[in-house]
């Protein structure tokens, strides 16, 4: 069940896109992407508030909510004719019941993907990636979905505060269940002072590939993405992209539950998300850990909003290039200096 209204926030959709009901495929028969809110923060270990994330992400913008956002560089409109995007509102979730909430999310994602759309889930804490990816795997096949995971933290803990379920454990639960192969799990942006050696040993045993910020600094983000892309599509038919907003330095994303200095810049994250969605067969995505009570001047919510828009723009550009046989070059100038644009 989805909800709009006072309990879950104002009655609006992501930047004015059409509304739909995820349980009624007739309401999104033309959709390429369906946005779904998962206002759950029952797995939080530190600062709460991510249950308020979905509507903060939806509504943080300074332009009219008219269902149009032409991308200056990519020359596509991810909310216009280039991609059909609908918003199904927020799932009705109770943060006090982790398993019931996760089952609701998993069932909704499996239903959406079973009807041929890409679900884009707005969190919520990172617990929701466990049901998000499991729901996709139910449709695409266990072990056939790779995960590209942007985060400051590995989220591969086993038991925390006496529980198997929380925002520090979803990646372990996914791999243990067989929904995702450990050697097709790519983590980008890790840093800080956790996890402990036994957890790192478990990750190594699964064949996980984790890129610490020090490696990104030494090699460059583009080289890291090149390598991750090659692994992600080796033996897998679909990619799930999970973006924890705390992958960015707290200067760029202060409104999150477990901030860790020394992360990616907003520009790096936006460019990476765009490239992933332009290049890889992305079949699902989530954006998590936006906690509005700890945000300043909507910095974090605005970044998350733009992460969603970059992802949608990348998907739209991928469809455009497939249809036209063209390839977008990021070095293409916006204007050619002769009084005309350089669109293809």
Foldseek 3Di string as FASTA:
>chain_A
DADADDVQYHPAFQLHAAAAALVDCVRQVPAQEEEEEQLEALQFDFDDFFSNQPVLLRPPDDDHSPQWDQDLQLRDTLRDDLGRYYYHHYDDADRVDLVVSLVSLLVSLLSNVQSNHAYEYEDDAQLNVLSNLNSVCVRQPQAQEAEEEQDQAPLCDAADPRDRTHNSRSVVNSCVVRNHQLLRYEYEQYDDDDDDVVSVVVSVVSNHHYDYLVNCVVPPPVVVLVVSQVSNNVNHDEYEYEAELLQAACVQAVQFGDHDHDHHHLVVLLVSLLCCLQPGRHRYYYYGGRRVVRDDPSRNSNSSSSSVVSNSSSVSSNVVCVVVVDDRDSPQDSPPPPPHGDDD
